Amino acid sequence: MDDVYREDNTMKNLSKYALMAGAALVAFGQPAQAEDWSNDYLAKERFQVRLRGIGIFADGDGVVNGTALQTDVGDAVTPELDVTYFFNDHIAAELIAATAQHSISAGSNDLGETWILPPTLTLQYHFQRDEKFSPYVGAGLNYSYFYGEDAGTGFSDLDVDGGVGYALQAGFDYWFNDNLGLNLDVKYVDLDVDVDVNLGATPLAARDVDLNPWIIGTGVSYRF
């Protein structure tokens, strides 16, 4: 029954977030219609890449087996690569790729560690792309996949279920020349996950753990 409930819940979340992303696309797309680019959809000027160092600051609040035993998820620092594609001078889509290892605890108990792969796609509005200081905002979807779970001492069978959440974003590029710039970026991801682990023969479960990470990064931007 839990699996059916989770699957139904996931589908509802996907539908909700898809509608949010569609609404953002309509809202962001309207102001820029007059500045559509040519029909050369693979023009190099449409692409931008960034290499950032990011800090992932997770919330991690949840309870084990419905008791008052609080969970916590550790922070992490990792490199991150992203690719941005511009539909026109103002509207762009960004896809990020990164992976990081996080520790999970409940009270004073070290439940173990897990790796997370959280591809995030955002739709962005760039206020002044051709200026030296170029700020932007964005909104989109995140899917977090957990792998490489390693249970802590005394625990076994650590498993963290992946989840879908919405992402909000703000940042800016500061261009030193036509191609190279400095980037600062902040994202918030609304994400709940389920954690299962065994303590000896006793199964422990934390449902709807509020991961809700802030992702703060800085690095270099390159446009072609």
C-alpha atoms as a PDB file:
ATOM      1  CA  MET A   1       0.000   0.000   0.000  1.00  0.00           C
ATOM      2  CA  ASP A   2       2.884   2.409   0.769  1.00  0.00           C
ATOM      3  CA  ASP A   3       4.319   1.922  -2.749  1.00  0.00           C
ATOM      4  CA  VAL A   4       0.928   2.651  -4.344  1.00  0.00           C
ATOM      5  CA  TYR A   5       0.528   5.745  -2.183  1.00  0.00           C
ATOM      6  CA  ARG A   6       4.009   7.001  -3.067  1.00  0.00           C
ATOM      7  CA  GLU A   7       3.486   6.414  -6.782  1.00  0.00           C
ATOM      8  CA  ASP A   8       0.155   8.245  -6.722  1.00  0.00           C
ATOM      9  CA  ASN A   9       1.699  11.071  -4.727  1.00  0.00           C
ATOM     10  CA  THR A  10       4.597  11.341  -7.175  1.00  0.00           C
ATOM     11  CA  MET A  11       2.258  11.559 -10.172  1.00  0.00           C
ATOM     12  CA  LYS A  12       0.246  14.283  -8.471  1.00  0.00           C
ATOM     13  CA  ASN A  13       3.443  16.208  -7.738  1.00  0.00           C
ATOM     14  CA  LEU A  14       4.670  15.830 -11.334  1.00  0.00           C
ATOM     15  CA  SER A  15       1.370  17.198 -12.650  1.00  0.00           C
ATOM     16  CA  LYS A  16       1.451  20.130 -10.249  1.00  0.00           C
ATOM     17  CA  TYR A  17       5.035  21.048 -11.052  1.00  0.00           C
ATOM     18  CA  ALA A  18       4.491  20.681 -14.801  1.00  0.00           C
ATOM     19  CA  LEU A  19       1.616  23.141 -14.599  1.00  0.00           C
ATOM     20  CA  MET A  20       3.788  25.552 -12.621  1.00  0.00           C
ATOM     21  CA  ALA A  21       6.570  25.313 -15.196  1.00  0.00           C
ATOM     22  CA  GLY A  22       4.086  25.885 -18.025  1.00  0.00           C
ATOM     23  CA  ALA A  23       2.681  28.966 -16.307  1.00  0.00           C
ATOM     24  CA  ALA A  24       6.210  30.310 -15.840  1.00  0.00           C
ATOM     25  CA  LEU A  25       6.954  29.737 -19.530  1.00  0.00           C
ATOM     26  CA  VAL A  26       3.908  31.769 -20.557  1.00  0.00           C
ATOM     27  CA  ALA A  27       4.632  34.541 -18.075  1.00  0.00           C
ATOM     28  CA  PHE A  28       8.297  34.822 -18.974  1.00  0.00           C
ATOM     29  CA  GLY A  29       7.813  34.445 -22.704  1.00  0.00           C
ATOM     30  CA  GLN A  30       5.431  37.325 -23.295  1.00  0.00           C
ATOM     31  CA  PRO A  31       7.762  40.332 -22.765  1.00  0.00           C
ATOM     32  CA  ALA A  32      10.422  39.012 -25.149  1.00  0.00           C
ATOM     33  CA  GLN A  33       8.373  38.166 -28.222  1.00  0.00           C
ATOM     34  CA  ALA A  34       9.611  41.231 -30.076  1.00  0.00           C
ATOM     35  CA  GLU A  35      13.239  40.116 -29.773  1.00  0.00           C
ATOM     36  CA  ASP A  36      13.085  36.562 -31.133  1.00  0.00           C
ATOM     37  CA  TRP A  37      16.294  35.443 -32.751  1.00  0.00           C
ATOM     38  CA  SER A  38      16.757  34.031 -36.236  1.00  0.00           C
ATOM     39  CA  ASN A  39      15.716  30.482 -37.173  1.00  0.00           C
ATOM     40  CA  ASP A  40      19.268  29.199 -36.650  1.00  0.00           C
ATOM     41  CA  TYR A  41      18.407  27.160 -33.550  1.00  0.00           C
ATOM     42  CA  LEU A  42      21.943  25.765 -33.218  1.00  0.00           C
ATOM     43  CA  ALA A  43      23.738  29.097 -33.499  1.00  0.00           C
ATOM     44  CA  LYS A  44      26.685  29.137 -31.103  1.00  0.00           C
ATOM     45  CA  GLU A  45      25.498  32.450 -29.649  1.00  0.00           C
ATOM     46  CA  ARG A  46      22.536  30.634 -28.125  1.00  0.00           C
ATOM     47  CA  PHE A  47      24.753  28.516 -25.837  1.00  0.00           C
ATOM     48  CA  GLN A  48      26.451  29.340 -22.565  1.00  0.00           C
ATOM     49  CA  VAL A  49      28.266  27.035 -20.133  1.00  0.00           C
ATOM     50  CA  ARG A  50      29.292  27.501 -16.536  1.00  0.00           C
ATOM     51  CA  LEU A  51      31.571  25.693 -14.112  1.00  0.00           C
ATOM     52  CA  ARG A  52      30.697  26.434 -10.506  1.00  0.00           C
ATOM     53  CA  GLY A  53      31.632  25.331  -7.047  1.00  0.00           C
ATOM     54  CA  ILE A  54      28.395  24.891  -5.094  1.00  0.00           C
ATOM     55  CA  GLY A  55      27.445  24.525  -1.459  1.00  0.00           C
ATOM     56  CA  ILE A  56      24.343  22.417  -0.791  1.00  0.00           C
ATOM     57  CA  PHE A  57      22.741  23.387   2.501  1.00  0.00           C
ATOM     58  CA  ALA A  58      19.998  20.914   3.348  1.00  0.00           C
ATOM     59  CA  ASP A  59      17.252  21.194   5.941  1.00  0.00           C
ATOM     60  CA  GLY A  60      16.652  17.491   6.531  1.00  0.00           C
ATOM     61  CA  ASP A  61      13.911  17.745   9.147  1.00  0.00           C
ATOM     62  CA  GLY A  62      11.790  14.637   9.650  1.00  0.00           C
ATOM     63  CA  VAL A  63      10.823  12.097  12.305  1.00  0.00           C
ATOM     64  CA  VAL A  64      11.602   8.381  12.579  1.00  0.00           C
ATOM     65  CA  ASN A  65       8.678   5.956  12.938  1.00  0.00           C
ATOM     66  CA  GLY A  66       6.382   8.844  13.841  1.00  0.00           C
ATOM     67  CA  THR A  67       8.298   9.534  17.073  1.00  0.00           C
ATOM     68  CA  ALA A  68      10.062  12.687  18.212  1.00  0.00           C
ATOM     69  CA  LEU A  69      13.440  11.388  16.989  1.00  0.00           C
ATOM     70  CA  GLN A  70      14.497  14.103  14.532  1.00  0.00           C
ATOM     71  CA  THR A  71      16.417  13.428  11.317  1.00  0.00           C
ATOM     72  CA  ASP A  72      19.098  15.676   9.875  1.00  0.00           C
ATOM     73  CA  VAL A  73      20.942  15.766   6.540  1.00  0.00           C
ATOM     74  CA  GLY A  74      24.475  17.129   6.340  1.00  0.00           C
ATOM     75  CA  ASP A  75      25.656  19.882   3.993  1.00  0.00           C
ATOM     76  CA  ALA A  76      28.007  19.268   1.066  1.00  0.00           C
ATOM     77  CA  VAL A  77      30.338  21.096  -1.327  1.00  0.00           C
ATOM     78  CA  THR A  78      30.887  19.868  -4.905  1.00  0.00           C
ATOM     79  CA  PRO A  79      31.678  21.055  -8.458  1.00  0.00           C
ATOM     80  CA  GLU A  80      28.773  21.643 -10.813  1.00  0.00           C
ATOM     81  CA  LEU A  81      28.476  22.025 -14.588  1.00  0.00           C
ATOM     82  CA  ASP A  82      25.559  23.669 -16.345  1.00  0.00           C
ATOM     83  CA  VAL A  83      24.508  24.398 -19.911  1.00  0.00           C
ATOM     84  CA  THR A  84      22.200  27.284 -20.838  1.00  0.00           C
ATOM     85  CA  TYR A  85      20.319  27.602 -24.131  1.00  0.00           C
ATOM     86  CA  PHE A  86      18.859  30.982 -25.142  1.00  0.00           C
ATOM     87  CA  PHE A  87      15.580  31.018 -27.054  1.00  0.00           C
ATOM     88  CA  ASN A  88      15.989  34.777 -27.475  1.00  0.00           C
ATOM     89  CA  ASP A  89      17.777  37.636 -25.700  1.00  0.00           C
ATOM     90  CA  HIS A  90      15.711  37.239 -22.523  1.00  0.00           C
ATOM     91  CA  ILE A  91      14.413  33.670 -22.263  1.00  0.00           C
ATOM     92  CA  ALA A  92      16.724  30.725 -21.613  1.00  0.00           C
ATOM     93  CA  ALA A  93      16.669  27.199 -20.217  1.00  0.00           C
ATOM     94  CA  GLU A  94      19.388  25.934 -17.898  1.00  0.00           C
ATOM     95  CA  LEU A  95      20.227  22.313 -17.062  1.00  0.00           C
ATOM     96  CA  ILE A  96      22.632  21.601 -14.213  1.00  0.00           C
ATOM     97  CA  ALA A  97      24.607  18.436 -13.498  1.00  0.00           C
ATOM     98  CA  ALA A  98      26.283  17.708 -10.171  1.00  0.00           C
ATOM     99  CA  THR A  99      26.549  14.969  -7.575  1.00  0.00           C
ATOM    100  CA  ALA A 100      27.355  15.135  -3.877  1.00  0.00           C
ATOM    101  CA  GLN A 101      27.543  12.923  -0.795  1.00  0.00           C
ATOM    102  CA  HIS A 102      25.424  13.709   2.276  1.00  0.00           C
ATOM    103  CA  SER A 103      25.378  12.240   5.765  1.00  0.00           C
ATOM    104  CA  ILE A 104      22.047  11.320   7.383  1.00  0.00           C
ATOM    105  CA  SER A 105      21.443  11.205  11.116  1.00  0.00           C
ATOM    106  CA  ALA A 106      18.550  10.732  13.521  1.00  0.00           C
ATOM    107  CA  GLY A 107      19.083  12.284  16.901  1.00  0.00           C
ATOM    108  CA  SER A 108      22.645  11.294  17.862  1.00  0.00           C
ATOM    109  CA  ASN A 109      22.563   8.220  15.571  1.00  0.00           C
ATOM    110  CA  ASP A 110      24.591   8.196  12.362  1.00  0.00           C
ATOM    111  CA  LEU A 111      22.282   6.416   9.909  1.00  0.00           C
ATOM    112  CA  GLY A 112      24.861   6.534   7.111  1.00  0.00           C
ATOM    113  CA  GLU A 113      25.699   8.379   3.914  1.00  0.00           C
ATOM    114  CA  THR A 114      24.193   8.634   0.450  1.00  0.00           C
ATOM    115  CA  TRP A 115      25.077  10.184  -2.871  1.00  0.00           C
ATOM    116  CA  ILE A 116      22.559  12.414  -4.628  1.00  0.00           C
ATOM    117  CA  LEU A 117      22.267  13.170  -8.341  1.00  0.00           C
ATOM    118  CA  PRO A 118      19.862  16.135  -8.656  1.00  0.00           C
ATOM    119  CA  PRO A 119      19.414  17.201 -12.308  1.00  0.00           C
ATOM    120  CA  THR A 120      17.552  20.512 -12.316  1.00  0.00           C
ATOM    121  CA  LEU A 121      15.974  22.249 -15.304  1.00  0.00           C
ATOM    122  CA  THR A 122      14.991  25.903 -14.958  1.00  0.00           C
ATOM    123  CA  LEU A 123      13.407  28.406 -17.285  1.00  0.00           C
ATOM    124  CA  GLN A 124      15.138  31.776 -16.887  1.00  0.00           C
ATOM    125  CA  TYR A 125      14.451  35.420 -17.606  1.00  0.00           C
ATOM    126  CA  HIS A 126      17.606  37.478 -18.309  1.00  0.00           C
ATOM    127  CA  PHE A 127      17.010  41.178 -17.802  1.00  0.00           C
ATOM    128  CA  GLN A 128      19.951  42.519 -19.849  1.00  0.00           C
ATOM    129  CA  ARG A 129      21.962  39.751 -21.435  1.00  0.00           C
ATOM    130  CA  ASP A 130      24.288  42.027 -23.426  1.00  0.00           C
ATOM    131  CA  GLU A 131      25.314  44.226 -20.492  1.00  0.00           C
ATOM    132  CA  LYS A 132      28.419  43.723 -18.355  1.00  0.00           C
ATOM    133  CA  PHE A 133      26.204  43.081 -15.319  1.00  0.00           C
ATOM    134  CA  SER A 134      23.524  40.591 -16.401  1.00  0.00           C
ATOM    135  CA  PRO A 135      21.054  39.416 -13.699  1.00  0.00           C
ATOM    136  CA  TYR A 136      18.460  36.676 -14.141  1.00  0.00           C
ATOM    137  CA  VAL A 137      15.708  34.798 -12.304  1.00  0.00           C
ATOM    138  CA  GLY A 138      14.379  31.327 -12.947  1.00  0.00           C
ATOM    139  CA  ALA A 139      11.952  28.596 -11.947  1.00  0.00           C
ATOM    140  CA  GLY A 140      11.719  24.927 -12.835  1.00  0.00           C
ATOM    141  CA  LEU A 141      11.831  21.301 -11.753  1.00  0.00           C
ATOM    142  CA  ASN A 142      14.273  19.114  -9.867  1.00  0.00           C
ATOM    143  CA  TYR A 143      14.429  15.321  -9.732  1.00  0.00           C
ATOM    144  CA  SER A 144      16.762  13.950  -7.075  1.00  0.00           C
ATOM    145  CA  TYR A 145      18.077  10.410  -7.459  1.00  0.00           C
ATOM    146  CA  PHE A 146      19.878   8.808  -4.516  1.00  0.00           C
ATOM    147  CA  TYR A 147      22.509   6.099  -4.955  1.00  0.00           C
ATOM    148  CA  GLY A 148      25.481   4.549  -3.203  1.00  0.00           C
ATOM    149  CA  GLU A 149      23.751   4.428   0.180  1.00  0.00           C
ATOM    150  CA  ASP A 150      26.107   3.256   2.941  1.00  0.00           C
ATOM    151  CA  ALA A 151      24.528   2.503   6.328  1.00  0.00           C
ATOM    152  CA  GLY A 152      26.256   3.651   9.510  1.00  0.00           C
ATOM    153  CA  THR A 153      27.624   1.400  12.237  1.00  0.00           C
ATOM    154  CA  GLY A 154      24.863  -0.763  13.705  1.00  0.00           C
ATOM    155  CA  PHE A 155      22.472  -0.033  10.836  1.00  0.00           C
ATOM    156  CA  SER A 156      21.796  -1.810   7.537  1.00  0.00           C
ATOM    157  CA  ASP A 157      19.839  -1.524   4.287  1.00  0.00           C
ATOM    158  CA  LEU A 158      19.831   2.276   4.131  1.00  0.00           C
ATOM    159  CA  ASP A 159      17.552   3.388   1.288  1.00  0.00           C
ATOM    160  CA  VAL A 160      16.573   6.922   0.270  1.00  0.00           C
ATOM    161  CA  ASP A 161      13.760   7.316  -2.271  1.00  0.00           C
ATOM    162  CA  GLY A 162      14.162   9.892  -5.013  1.00  0.00           C
ATOM    163  CA  GLY A 163      11.701  12.739  -5.338  1.00  0.00           C
ATOM    164  CA  VAL A 164      10.458  15.570  -7.532  1.00  0.00           C
ATOM    165  CA  GLY A 165      10.399  19.183  -6.383  1.00  0.00           C
ATOM    166  CA  TYR A 166      10.160  22.683  -7.749  1.00  0.00           C
ATOM    167  CA  ALA A 167      13.205  24.962  -7.962  1.00  0.00           C
ATOM    168  CA  LEU A 168      13.511  28.751  -7.720  1.00  0.00           C
ATOM    169  CA  GLN A 169      16.623  30.587  -8.883  1.00  0.00           C
ATOM    170  CA  ALA A 170      18.285  34.014  -8.947  1.00  0.00           C
ATOM    171  CA  GLY A 171      21.755  35.057 -10.002  1.00  0.00           C
ATOM    172  CA  PHE A 172      23.909  37.177 -12.236  1.00  0.00           C
ATOM    173  CA  ASP A 173      26.821  37.061 -14.660  1.00  0.00           C
ATOM    174  CA  TYR A 174      29.495  39.765 -14.654  1.00  0.00           C
ATOM    175  CA  TRP A 175      31.231  39.749 -18.036  1.00  0.00           C
ATOM    176  CA  PHE A 176      34.930  40.626 -18.288  1.00  0.00           C
ATOM    177  CA  ASN A 177      34.785  40.474 -22.081  1.00  0.00           C
ATOM    178  CA  ASP A 178      32.558  39.058 -24.837  1.00  0.00           C
ATOM    179  CA  ASN A 179      33.136  35.461 -23.763  1.00  0.00           C
ATOM    180  CA  LEU A 180      34.302  35.133 -20.154  1.00  0.00           C
ATOM    181  CA  GLY A 181      32.526  36.156 -16.976  1.00  0.00           C
ATOM    182  CA  LEU A 182      31.981  35.547 -13.270  1.00  0.00           C
ATOM    183  CA  ASN A 183      28.755  33.941 -12.071  1.00  0.00           C
ATOM    184  CA  LEU A 184      26.926  33.916  -8.747  1.00  0.00           C
ATOM    185  CA  ASP A 185      23.824  31.741  -8.449  1.00  0.00           C
ATOM    186  CA  VAL A 186      21.355  30.846  -5.691  1.00  0.00           C
ATOM    187  CA  LYS A 187      18.695  28.129  -5.930  1.00  0.00           C
ATOM    188  CA  TYR A 188      16.048  26.856  -3.535  1.00  0.00           C
ATOM    189  CA  VAL A 189      14.623  23.375  -4.112  1.00  0.00           C
ATOM    190  CA  ASP A 190      11.427  22.254  -2.394  1.00  0.00           C
ATOM    191  CA  LEU A 191      11.950  18.511  -1.962  1.00  0.00           C
ATOM    192  CA  ASP A 192      10.661  15.800   0.399  1.00  0.00           C
ATOM    193  CA  VAL A 193      12.208  12.314   0.520  1.00  0.00           C
ATOM    194  CA  ASP A 194      11.603   9.026   2.360  1.00  0.00           C
ATOM    195  CA  VAL A 195      14.384   7.306   4.310  1.00  0.00           C
ATOM    196  CA  ASP A 196      14.369   3.605   5.310  1.00  0.00           C
ATOM    197  CA  VAL A 197      16.993   1.791   7.372  1.00  0.00           C
ATOM    198  CA  ASN A 198      17.210  -1.223   9.677  1.00  0.00           C
ATOM    199  CA  LEU A 199      18.519  -1.187  13.237  1.00  0.00           C
ATOM    200  CA  GLY A 200      19.294  -4.861  13.700  1.00  0.00           C
ATOM    201  CA  ALA A 201      15.977  -6.572  12.923  1.00  0.00           C
ATOM    202  CA  THR A 202      13.957  -3.401  13.564  1.00  0.00           C
ATOM    203  CA  PRO A 203      12.919  -1.375  10.492  1.00  0.00           C
ATOM    204  CA  LEU A 204      13.061   2.382  10.889  1.00  0.00           C
ATOM    205  CA  ALA A 205      11.361   4.798   8.516  1.00  0.00           C
ATOM    206  CA  ALA A 206      11.250   8.561   8.142  1.00  0.00           C
ATOM    207  CA  ARG A 207       8.553   9.794   5.765  1.00  0.00           C
ATOM    208  CA  ASP A 208       8.490  13.155   3.972  1.00  0.00           C
ATOM    209  CA  VAL A 209      11.847  14.351   5.262  1.00  0.00           C
ATOM    210  CA  ASP A 210      12.097  18.032   4.282  1.00  0.00           C
ATOM    211  CA  LEU A 211      15.368  18.084   2.367  1.00  0.00           C
ATOM    212  CA  ASN A 212      14.636  21.572   0.939  1.00  0.00           C
ATOM    213  CA  PRO A 213      18.236  22.527   0.089  1.00  0.00           C
ATOM    214  CA  TRP A 214      19.611  25.965  -0.656  1.00  0.00           C
ATOM    215  CA  ILE A 215      22.223  25.644  -3.398  1.00  0.00           C
ATOM    216  CA  ILE A 216      24.676  28.543  -3.535  1.00  0.00           C
ATOM    217  CA  GLY A 217      27.359  28.574  -6.193  1.00  0.00           C
ATOM    218  CA  THR A 218      29.981  30.748  -7.816  1.00  0.00           C
ATOM    219  CA  GLY A 219      32.212  30.122 -10.786  1.00  0.00           C
ATOM    220  CA  VAL A 220      33.033  31.093 -14.345  1.00  0.00           C
ATOM    221  CA  SER A 221      30.686  31.585 -17.302  1.00  0.00           C
ATOM    222  CA  TYR A 222      31.615  31.145 -20.952  1.00  0.00           C
ATOM    223  CA  ARG A 223      29.482  32.178 -23.926  1.00  0.00           C
ATOM    224  CA  PHE A 224      30.367  31.285 -27.508  1.00  0.00           C
END
